[in-house]
N, C-alpha and C. Protein backbone atom coordinates (compact mmCIF):
# COMPACT_ATOMS: atom_id res chain seq x y z
N MET A 1 -23.26 20.54 -42.28
CA MET A 1 -21.82 20.75 -42.58
C MET A 1 -21.27 21.60 -41.50
N ALA A 2 -20.34 21.41 -40.82
CA ALA A 2 -19.88 22.07 -39.77
C ALA A 2 -18.91 22.95 -40.40
N SER A 3 -19.00 24.25 -39.53
CA SER A 3 -18.39 25.50 -40.06
C SER A 3 -17.45 25.70 -39.04
N ALA A 4 -16.11 25.38 -39.33
CA ALA A 4 -14.75 25.75 -38.28
C ALA A 4 -13.93 26.32 -38.94
N ASN A 5 -13.14 27.34 -38.42
CA ASN A 5 -12.02 28.03 -38.91
C ASN A 5 -10.91 27.64 -38.29
N LEU A 6 -9.93 27.01 -38.73
CA LEU A 6 -8.84 26.49 -38.07
C LEU A 6 -7.71 27.40 -38.35
N GLY A 7 -7.12 28.06 -37.38
CA GLY A 7 -6.11 29.15 -37.69
C GLY A 7 -4.70 28.30 -38.31
N PHE A 8 -4.29 27.44 -37.48
CA PHE A 8 -3.12 26.47 -38.16
C PHE A 8 -3.29 25.13 -37.27
N CYS A 9 -2.33 24.26 -37.97
CA CYS A 9 -2.60 22.85 -37.29
C CYS A 9 -0.94 22.31 -37.09
N THR A 10 -0.77 21.75 -36.11
CA THR A 10 0.53 21.23 -36.00
C THR A 10 0.32 19.83 -35.53
N SER A 11 1.29 19.00 -35.83
CA SER A 11 1.34 17.44 -35.42
C SER A 11 2.50 17.36 -34.53
N LEU A 12 2.14 16.58 -33.59
CA LEU A 12 2.95 15.92 -32.59
C LEU A 12 3.11 14.51 -32.55
N LEU A 13 4.33 14.18 -32.61
CA LEU A 13 4.74 12.82 -32.93
C LEU A 13 4.38 11.90 -31.60
N VAL A 14 3.90 10.89 -31.72
CA VAL A 14 3.42 9.98 -30.57
C VAL A 14 4.62 8.87 -30.88
N GLY A 15 5.23 8.60 -29.51
CA GLY A 15 6.32 7.46 -29.73
C GLY A 15 7.54 7.91 -30.08
N SER A 16 8.55 7.12 -30.35
CA SER A 16 9.85 7.62 -30.64
C SER A 16 10.14 7.30 -32.21
N SER A 17 9.25 6.79 -33.00
CA SER A 17 9.49 6.27 -34.47
C SER A 17 9.09 7.66 -35.28
N PRO A 18 10.02 8.38 -36.10
CA PRO A 18 9.54 9.13 -36.75
C PRO A 18 8.62 8.83 -37.91
N MET A 19 7.78 9.65 -38.35
CA MET A 19 6.73 9.58 -39.26
C MET A 19 7.24 9.94 -40.81
N SER A 20 6.94 9.55 -41.76
CA SER A 20 7.08 10.08 -43.16
C SER A 20 6.30 11.22 -43.33
N ILE A 21 6.64 12.09 -44.28
CA ILE A 21 5.81 13.38 -44.58
C ILE A 21 4.63 12.94 -45.15
N LYS A 22 4.35 11.89 -45.84
CA LYS A 22 3.23 11.39 -46.78
C LYS A 22 2.42 10.83 -45.55
N SER A 23 2.67 10.04 -44.47
CA SER A 23 2.04 9.58 -43.61
C SER A 23 1.21 10.75 -42.68
N LEU A 24 2.21 11.74 -42.38
CA LEU A 24 1.84 12.84 -41.54
C LEU A 24 0.75 13.73 -42.55
N HIS A 25 0.95 13.95 -43.59
CA HIS A 25 0.05 14.75 -44.66
C HIS A 25 -1.38 14.06 -44.71
N SER A 26 -1.40 12.65 -44.82
CA SER A 26 -2.72 12.05 -44.92
C SER A 26 -3.46 12.00 -43.58
N ASN A 27 -2.52 11.67 -42.49
CA ASN A 27 -3.41 11.93 -41.23
C ASN A 27 -3.80 13.17 -40.83
N LEU A 28 -3.13 14.44 -41.16
CA LEU A 28 -3.40 15.65 -40.87
C LEU A 28 -4.96 15.93 -41.72
N PHE A 29 -4.70 15.71 -43.09
CA PHE A 29 -5.87 15.87 -44.13
C PHE A 29 -7.34 14.97 -43.43
N PHE A 30 -6.85 13.89 -43.22
CA PHE A 30 -8.22 13.15 -42.50
C PHE A 30 -8.72 13.70 -41.41
N ALA A 31 -7.64 14.23 -40.49
CA ALA A 31 -8.42 14.88 -39.05
C ALA A 31 -9.06 16.16 -39.51
N THR A 32 -8.42 17.02 -40.40
CA THR A 32 -9.01 18.15 -40.75
C THR A 32 -10.34 18.20 -41.53
N SER A 33 -10.42 17.32 -42.47
CA SER A 33 -11.47 16.89 -43.18
C SER A 33 -12.62 16.40 -42.59
N SER A 34 -12.57 15.92 -41.71
CA SER A 34 -13.58 15.35 -40.80
C SER A 34 -14.12 16.50 -39.96
N LEU A 35 -13.22 17.12 -39.57
CA LEU A 35 -13.85 18.40 -38.71
C LEU A 35 -14.79 19.39 -39.58
N PHE A 36 -14.16 19.55 -40.88
CA PHE A 36 -15.12 20.38 -41.68
C PHE A 36 -16.06 19.90 -42.35
N PHE A 37 -16.22 18.52 -42.71
CA PHE A 37 -17.10 18.12 -43.55
C PHE A 37 -18.22 17.16 -42.82
N GLN A 38 -17.82 16.65 -41.78
CA GLN A 38 -18.65 15.54 -41.02
C GLN A 38 -18.80 15.99 -39.77
N GLU A 39 -19.98 16.50 -39.08
CA GLU A 39 -20.48 17.22 -38.07
C GLU A 39 -20.25 16.22 -36.83
N LYS A 40 -20.79 15.06 -36.70
CA LYS A 40 -20.77 14.31 -35.59
C LYS A 40 -19.87 13.17 -35.70
N LYS A 41 -18.93 12.86 -36.44
CA LYS A 41 -18.12 11.95 -36.58
C LYS A 41 -17.02 11.83 -35.45
N LYS A 42 -16.69 10.60 -34.89
CA LYS A 42 -15.77 10.59 -34.09
C LYS A 42 -14.63 10.18 -34.78
N ILE A 43 -13.15 10.48 -34.51
CA ILE A 43 -12.19 9.96 -35.03
C ILE A 43 -11.43 8.96 -34.16
N PRO A 44 -11.44 7.64 -34.58
CA PRO A 44 -10.89 6.77 -33.52
C PRO A 44 -9.31 7.06 -33.59
N ILE A 45 -8.78 6.92 -32.34
CA ILE A 45 -7.39 7.36 -32.00
C ILE A 45 -6.58 6.25 -32.58
N SER A 46 -7.24 5.11 -32.75
CA SER A 46 -6.09 3.88 -33.50
C SER A 46 -5.88 4.35 -34.84
N THR A 47 -6.68 5.06 -35.47
CA THR A 47 -6.39 5.30 -36.85
C THR A 47 -5.42 6.28 -37.17
N LEU A 48 -5.00 7.14 -36.02
CA LEU A 48 -4.05 8.24 -36.22
C LEU A 48 -2.75 7.61 -35.77
N SER A 49 -1.59 7.94 -36.35
CA SER A 49 -0.50 7.67 -35.91
C SER A 49 0.32 8.71 -35.23
N SER A 50 -0.21 10.07 -35.32
CA SER A 50 0.02 11.16 -34.57
C SER A 50 -1.11 11.98 -34.05
N THR A 51 -0.76 12.87 -33.15
CA THR A 51 -1.79 13.61 -32.53
C THR A 51 -1.78 14.98 -33.26
N VAL A 52 -2.97 15.30 -33.78
CA VAL A 52 -3.22 16.69 -34.13
C VAL A 52 -3.49 17.79 -33.34
N VAL A 53 -3.05 18.53 -33.21
CA VAL A 53 -3.29 19.96 -32.44
C VAL A 53 -3.62 21.00 -33.27
N CYS A 54 -4.90 21.45 -32.99
CA CYS A 54 -5.40 22.45 -33.97
C CYS A 54 -5.80 23.74 -32.87
N THR A 55 -5.43 24.97 -33.41
CA THR A 55 -5.95 25.95 -32.53
C THR A 55 -6.75 26.92 -33.82
N ALA A 56 -7.83 27.45 -33.11
CA ALA A 56 -9.00 28.01 -33.93
C ALA A 56 -8.57 29.38 -33.95
N SER A 57 -8.97 30.05 -34.85
CA SER A 57 -9.10 31.69 -34.71
C SER A 57 -10.52 31.97 -34.10
N LYS A 58 -11.33 31.15 -34.39
CA LYS A 58 -12.64 31.35 -34.03
C LYS A 58 -13.17 30.26 -32.98
N PRO A 59 -14.13 30.35 -31.99
CA PRO A 59 -14.43 29.26 -31.31
C PRO A 59 -14.83 28.25 -32.14
N VAL A 60 -14.58 26.75 -31.62
CA VAL A 60 -15.30 25.83 -32.51
C VAL A 60 -15.98 25.02 -31.37
N THR A 61 -17.38 24.55 -31.70
CA THR A 61 -18.13 23.77 -31.12
C THR A 61 -17.91 22.32 -31.27
N VAL A 62 -17.55 21.62 -30.33
CA VAL A 62 -17.33 20.17 -30.33
C VAL A 62 -18.49 19.45 -29.97
N VAL A 63 -19.01 18.63 -30.73
CA VAL A 63 -20.15 17.71 -30.35
C VAL A 63 -19.54 16.32 -29.90
N SER A 64 -19.96 15.92 -28.87
CA SER A 64 -19.43 14.69 -28.19
C SER A 64 -20.79 13.93 -27.85
N GLU A 65 -20.40 12.46 -27.89
CA GLU A 65 -21.72 11.58 -27.48
C GLU A 65 -21.46 11.61 -26.16
N ILE A 66 -22.82 11.08 -25.46
CA ILE A 66 -22.97 10.99 -24.02
C ILE A 66 -22.60 9.44 -23.78
N ASN A 67 -21.79 9.22 -22.89
CA ASN A 67 -21.49 7.78 -22.43
C ASN A 67 -22.36 7.54 -21.38
N THR A 68 -23.43 6.50 -21.68
CA THR A 68 -23.91 6.03 -20.57
C THR A 68 -23.58 4.78 -20.44
N THR A 69 -23.53 4.39 -19.08
CA THR A 69 -23.01 3.22 -18.82
C THR A 69 -23.90 2.38 -18.19
N LYS A 70 -24.03 0.94 -18.28
CA LYS A 70 -25.10 0.42 -17.45
C LYS A 70 -24.48 -0.30 -16.27
N THR A 71 -25.32 -0.41 -15.30
CA THR A 71 -24.83 -0.68 -14.02
C THR A 71 -24.40 -2.27 -14.13
N ARG A 72 -23.21 -2.52 -13.87
CA ARG A 72 -22.74 -4.22 -13.86
C ARG A 72 -23.57 -5.13 -12.83
N ILE A 73 -23.69 -6.24 -13.41
CA ILE A 73 -24.28 -7.31 -12.40
C ILE A 73 -23.18 -7.77 -11.53
N PRO A 74 -23.42 -7.64 -10.19
CA PRO A 74 -22.32 -8.14 -9.18
C PRO A 74 -21.95 -9.76 -9.62
N ARG A 75 -20.48 -9.89 -9.50
CA ARG A 75 -19.96 -11.04 -9.71
C ARG A 75 -18.91 -11.27 -8.77
N GLY A 76 -18.59 -12.49 -8.43
CA GLY A 76 -17.48 -12.78 -7.59
C GLY A 76 -17.55 -12.28 -6.02
N ILE A 77 -16.65 -11.59 -5.67
CA ILE A 77 -16.71 -11.23 -4.17
C ILE A 77 -17.64 -9.97 -4.17
N THR A 78 -18.03 -9.39 -5.34
CA THR A 78 -18.94 -8.33 -5.00
C THR A 78 -20.68 -8.71 -5.08
N LYS A 79 -20.71 -9.94 -5.32
CA LYS A 79 -21.96 -10.58 -5.45
C LYS A 79 -22.71 -10.95 -3.96
N SER A 80 -23.70 -10.84 -3.53
CA SER A 80 -24.42 -11.27 -2.24
C SER A 80 -24.56 -12.52 -2.06
N LYS A 81 -23.97 -13.16 -0.93
CA LYS A 81 -24.11 -14.43 -0.74
C LYS A 81 -24.71 -14.81 0.59
N PRO A 82 -25.29 -15.70 0.92
CA PRO A 82 -25.87 -16.08 2.20
C PRO A 82 -24.46 -16.32 3.26
N ILE A 83 -24.92 -15.99 4.54
CA ILE A 83 -23.80 -16.27 5.34
C ILE A 83 -24.29 -17.17 6.53
N SER A 84 -23.33 -17.59 7.30
CA SER A 84 -23.69 -18.37 8.47
C SER A 84 -24.32 -17.67 9.78
N PRO A 85 -24.83 -18.50 10.61
CA PRO A 85 -25.62 -17.79 11.48
C PRO A 85 -25.07 -16.88 12.39
N ALA A 86 -23.40 -17.32 12.62
CA ALA A 86 -22.66 -16.45 13.55
C ALA A 86 -22.30 -15.10 13.11
N MET A 87 -22.14 -15.42 11.67
CA MET A 87 -21.88 -14.04 10.86
C MET A 87 -23.18 -13.19 10.80
N GLN A 88 -24.25 -13.75 10.69
CA GLN A 88 -25.52 -12.91 10.55
C GLN A 88 -25.71 -12.37 11.84
N GLU A 89 -25.42 -12.68 13.10
CA GLU A 89 -25.54 -12.25 14.27
C GLU A 89 -24.63 -11.05 14.43
N PHE A 90 -23.33 -11.08 13.95
CA PHE A 90 -22.42 -10.08 13.89
C PHE A 90 -22.85 -9.05 13.14
N LEU A 91 -23.34 -9.26 11.83
CA LEU A 91 -23.35 -8.16 10.98
C LEU A 91 -24.96 -7.47 10.80
N GLY A 92 -25.90 -8.58 11.10
CA GLY A 92 -27.25 -8.28 11.16
C GLY A 92 -27.92 -8.47 10.00
N VAL A 93 -27.39 -9.18 9.05
CA VAL A 93 -28.14 -9.41 7.73
C VAL A 93 -27.85 -10.85 7.24
N THR A 94 -28.79 -11.24 6.28
CA THR A 94 -28.73 -12.53 5.90
C THR A 94 -27.88 -12.77 4.70
N GLU A 95 -27.67 -11.87 3.82
CA GLU A 95 -26.93 -12.04 2.54
C GLU A 95 -26.00 -10.65 2.54
N ILE A 96 -24.75 -10.86 2.05
CA ILE A 96 -23.95 -9.79 2.01
C ILE A 96 -22.96 -10.01 1.21
N PRO A 97 -22.18 -9.22 0.39
CA PRO A 97 -20.98 -9.39 -0.70
C PRO A 97 -19.79 -9.33 0.42
N ARG A 98 -18.72 -10.37 -0.09
CA ARG A 98 -17.65 -10.58 0.85
C ARG A 98 -16.72 -9.13 1.06
N THR A 99 -16.99 -8.15 -0.01
CA THR A 99 -16.29 -6.89 0.20
C THR A 99 -17.05 -5.98 1.29
N GLN A 100 -18.23 -6.18 1.48
CA GLN A 100 -18.89 -5.14 2.41
C GLN A 100 -18.73 -5.89 3.92
N ALA A 101 -18.82 -7.15 3.71
CA ALA A 101 -18.54 -7.90 5.13
C ALA A 101 -17.38 -7.62 5.67
N LEU A 102 -16.42 -7.53 4.85
CA LEU A 102 -15.04 -7.14 5.34
C LEU A 102 -14.82 -5.85 5.63
N LYS A 103 -15.40 -4.85 4.97
CA LYS A 103 -15.63 -3.53 5.42
C LYS A 103 -16.19 -3.16 6.97
N GLN A 104 -17.24 -3.93 6.94
CA GLN A 104 -18.02 -3.78 8.25
C GLN A 104 -17.26 -4.49 9.49
N ILE A 105 -16.71 -5.50 9.23
CA ILE A 105 -15.76 -6.16 10.34
C ILE A 105 -14.76 -5.30 10.43
N TRP A 106 -13.85 -4.54 9.72
CA TRP A 106 -12.70 -3.53 9.93
C TRP A 106 -13.39 -2.22 10.44
N ALA A 107 -14.41 -1.95 10.17
CA ALA A 107 -15.09 -0.74 10.93
C ALA A 107 -15.44 -1.06 12.40
N TYR A 108 -15.87 -2.28 12.65
CA TYR A 108 -16.08 -2.54 14.07
C TYR A 108 -14.80 -2.67 14.97
N ILE A 109 -13.78 -3.19 14.26
CA ILE A 109 -12.48 -3.55 14.80
C ILE A 109 -11.79 -1.90 15.07
N LYS A 110 -11.82 -1.21 14.12
CA LYS A 110 -11.21 0.24 14.64
C LYS A 110 -12.40 1.16 15.49
N GLN A 111 -13.64 0.95 15.47
CA GLN A 111 -14.61 1.53 16.26
C GLN A 111 -14.28 1.15 17.79
N HIS A 112 -14.07 -0.21 17.89
CA HIS A 112 -14.01 -0.79 19.16
C HIS A 112 -12.48 -0.78 19.78
N ASN A 113 -11.33 -0.15 19.03
CA ASN A 113 -10.22 0.07 18.96
C ASN A 113 -9.40 -1.25 19.38
N LEU A 114 -9.51 -2.46 18.62
CA LEU A 114 -9.24 -3.91 18.98
C LEU A 114 -7.79 -3.93 18.39
N GLN A 115 -7.23 -3.17 17.50
CA GLN A 115 -5.68 -3.26 17.29
C GLN A 115 -4.87 -3.29 18.24
N ASP A 116 -3.76 -4.09 18.31
CA ASP A 116 -2.70 -4.35 19.23
C ASP A 116 -2.20 -2.88 19.11
N PRO A 117 -1.94 -1.87 20.19
CA PRO A 117 -1.26 -0.76 20.30
C PRO A 117 0.36 -0.86 19.98
N GLN A 118 0.97 -1.85 20.32
CA GLN A 118 2.35 -2.18 19.83
C GLN A 118 2.64 -2.57 18.23
N ASP A 119 1.80 -3.32 17.87
CA ASP A 119 1.76 -3.99 16.60
C ASP A 119 0.50 -3.78 15.82
N LYS A 120 0.00 -2.76 15.11
CA LYS A 120 -1.43 -2.51 14.56
C LYS A 120 -1.81 -3.51 13.39
N LYS A 121 -0.97 -4.53 13.12
CA LYS A 121 -1.17 -5.63 12.06
C LYS A 121 -1.80 -6.75 13.08
N ILE A 122 -1.85 -6.64 14.29
CA ILE A 122 -2.45 -7.69 14.96
C ILE A 122 -3.88 -7.29 15.71
N ILE A 123 -4.84 -8.06 15.63
CA ILE A 123 -6.15 -7.71 16.10
C ILE A 123 -6.40 -8.58 17.21
N VAL A 124 -6.79 -7.84 18.41
CA VAL A 124 -7.11 -8.67 19.71
C VAL A 124 -8.66 -8.74 19.57
N CYS A 125 -8.96 -9.88 19.43
CA CYS A 125 -10.38 -10.07 19.25
C CYS A 125 -11.23 -10.22 20.67
N ASP A 126 -12.38 -9.62 20.68
CA ASP A 126 -13.24 -9.72 21.69
C ASP A 126 -14.22 -10.82 21.58
N GLU A 127 -15.33 -10.91 22.35
CA GLU A 127 -16.22 -12.04 22.31
C GLU A 127 -16.88 -12.08 21.12
N LYS A 128 -17.39 -10.91 20.40
CA LYS A 128 -18.13 -11.26 19.05
C LYS A 128 -17.16 -11.62 18.14
N LEU A 129 -15.89 -11.06 17.83
CA LEU A 129 -14.97 -11.51 16.75
C LEU A 129 -14.64 -12.88 17.17
N LYS A 130 -14.40 -13.25 18.12
CA LYS A 130 -14.11 -14.67 18.61
C LYS A 130 -14.87 -15.86 17.81
N LYS A 131 -16.17 -15.33 17.89
CA LYS A 131 -17.28 -16.25 17.21
C LYS A 131 -17.06 -16.45 15.61
N ILE A 132 -16.50 -15.28 14.93
CA ILE A 132 -16.20 -15.24 13.75
C ILE A 132 -14.88 -15.84 13.32
N PHE A 133 -14.03 -15.51 14.17
CA PHE A 133 -12.38 -15.89 14.01
C PHE A 133 -12.03 -17.22 14.48
N ALA A 134 -12.92 -18.12 14.68
CA ALA A 134 -12.79 -19.65 15.28
C ALA A 134 -12.01 -19.54 16.64
N ASP A 135 -12.73 -18.71 17.47
CA ASP A 135 -12.28 -18.85 18.87
C ASP A 135 -10.86 -18.28 19.04
N ARG A 136 -10.12 -17.60 18.30
CA ARG A 136 -8.88 -17.14 18.40
C ARG A 136 -8.72 -15.92 19.19
N GLU A 137 -7.55 -15.79 20.10
CA GLU A 137 -7.56 -14.34 20.72
C GLU A 137 -6.90 -13.30 19.84
N ARG A 138 -6.09 -13.77 19.10
CA ARG A 138 -5.33 -12.73 18.27
C ARG A 138 -5.18 -13.28 16.93
N VAL A 139 -5.40 -12.24 15.92
CA VAL A 139 -5.65 -12.64 14.37
C VAL A 139 -4.78 -11.36 13.84
N GLY A 140 -3.83 -12.04 12.74
CA GLY A 140 -3.31 -11.14 11.92
C GLY A 140 -4.20 -10.62 10.73
N PHE A 141 -3.80 -9.07 10.57
CA PHE A 141 -4.82 -8.71 9.55
C PHE A 141 -4.80 -9.46 8.38
N LEU A 142 -3.81 -9.97 7.64
CA LEU A 142 -3.70 -10.66 6.52
C LEU A 142 -4.75 -11.71 6.67
N GLU A 143 -4.91 -12.43 7.89
CA GLU A 143 -5.61 -13.69 8.20
C GLU A 143 -7.07 -13.24 7.94
N VAL A 144 -7.64 -12.22 8.25
CA VAL A 144 -9.05 -11.74 8.67
C VAL A 144 -9.94 -12.32 7.33
N ALA A 145 -9.52 -12.02 5.96
CA ALA A 145 -10.25 -12.40 4.93
C ALA A 145 -10.31 -14.05 4.86
N GLY A 146 -9.28 -14.68 5.20
CA GLY A 146 -9.34 -16.22 5.12
C GLY A 146 -10.28 -16.69 6.00
N LEU A 147 -10.24 -16.09 7.38
CA LEU A 147 -11.08 -16.50 8.33
C LEU A 147 -12.51 -16.36 8.47
N ILE A 148 -12.90 -15.43 7.56
CA ILE A 148 -14.35 -15.20 7.16
C ILE A 148 -14.99 -16.19 5.82
N ASN A 149 -13.88 -16.75 5.22
CA ASN A 149 -14.43 -17.44 4.07
C ASN A 149 -15.57 -18.45 4.34
N PRO A 150 -15.17 -19.32 5.42
CA PRO A 150 -15.98 -20.46 5.86
C PRO A 150 -17.52 -20.02 6.24
N HIS A 151 -17.58 -18.66 6.53
CA HIS A 151 -18.99 -18.20 6.94
C HIS A 151 -19.69 -17.92 5.57
N PHE A 152 -19.10 -18.13 4.58
CA PHE A 152 -20.08 -17.78 3.32
C PHE A 152 -20.46 -19.07 2.78
N ILE A 153 -21.64 -19.18 2.71
CA ILE A 153 -22.41 -20.39 2.33
C ILE A 153 -22.56 -20.41 0.91
N LYS A 154 -21.75 -21.64 0.14
CA LYS A 154 -21.86 -21.53 -1.42
C LYS A 154 -23.32 -22.21 -2.10
């Protein structure tokens, strides 16, 4: 049994609709009774129509569950896929997610200062980028994702 000494409790209304006294009383009773009588019980927020703010005259120990999340299996653009030989030569790997490939291409562009000085949206391709971007001299930054698409083998 949890021992907690609550000095006073007040209720803050959530939303613009007024609550009835009966509803407020039952929600307040539910919240305070679970604090006193059930030690490790979580109160779902969806069950309360008001937020209860309590101040304690003595410190209250709150027991919370540790949220352990599993690592997600990569899907879609975050999944590693085999790439074309031209892209392998540029990136130095045989498989890579689209997101990482795009990051590395942009890092190369910025490192070698390949953006047009007058219009930063335009990329001036060097010989390595021309192999990836279908032998184009200049590429708009919005076109980059579309131009690397054929290099990912399905």
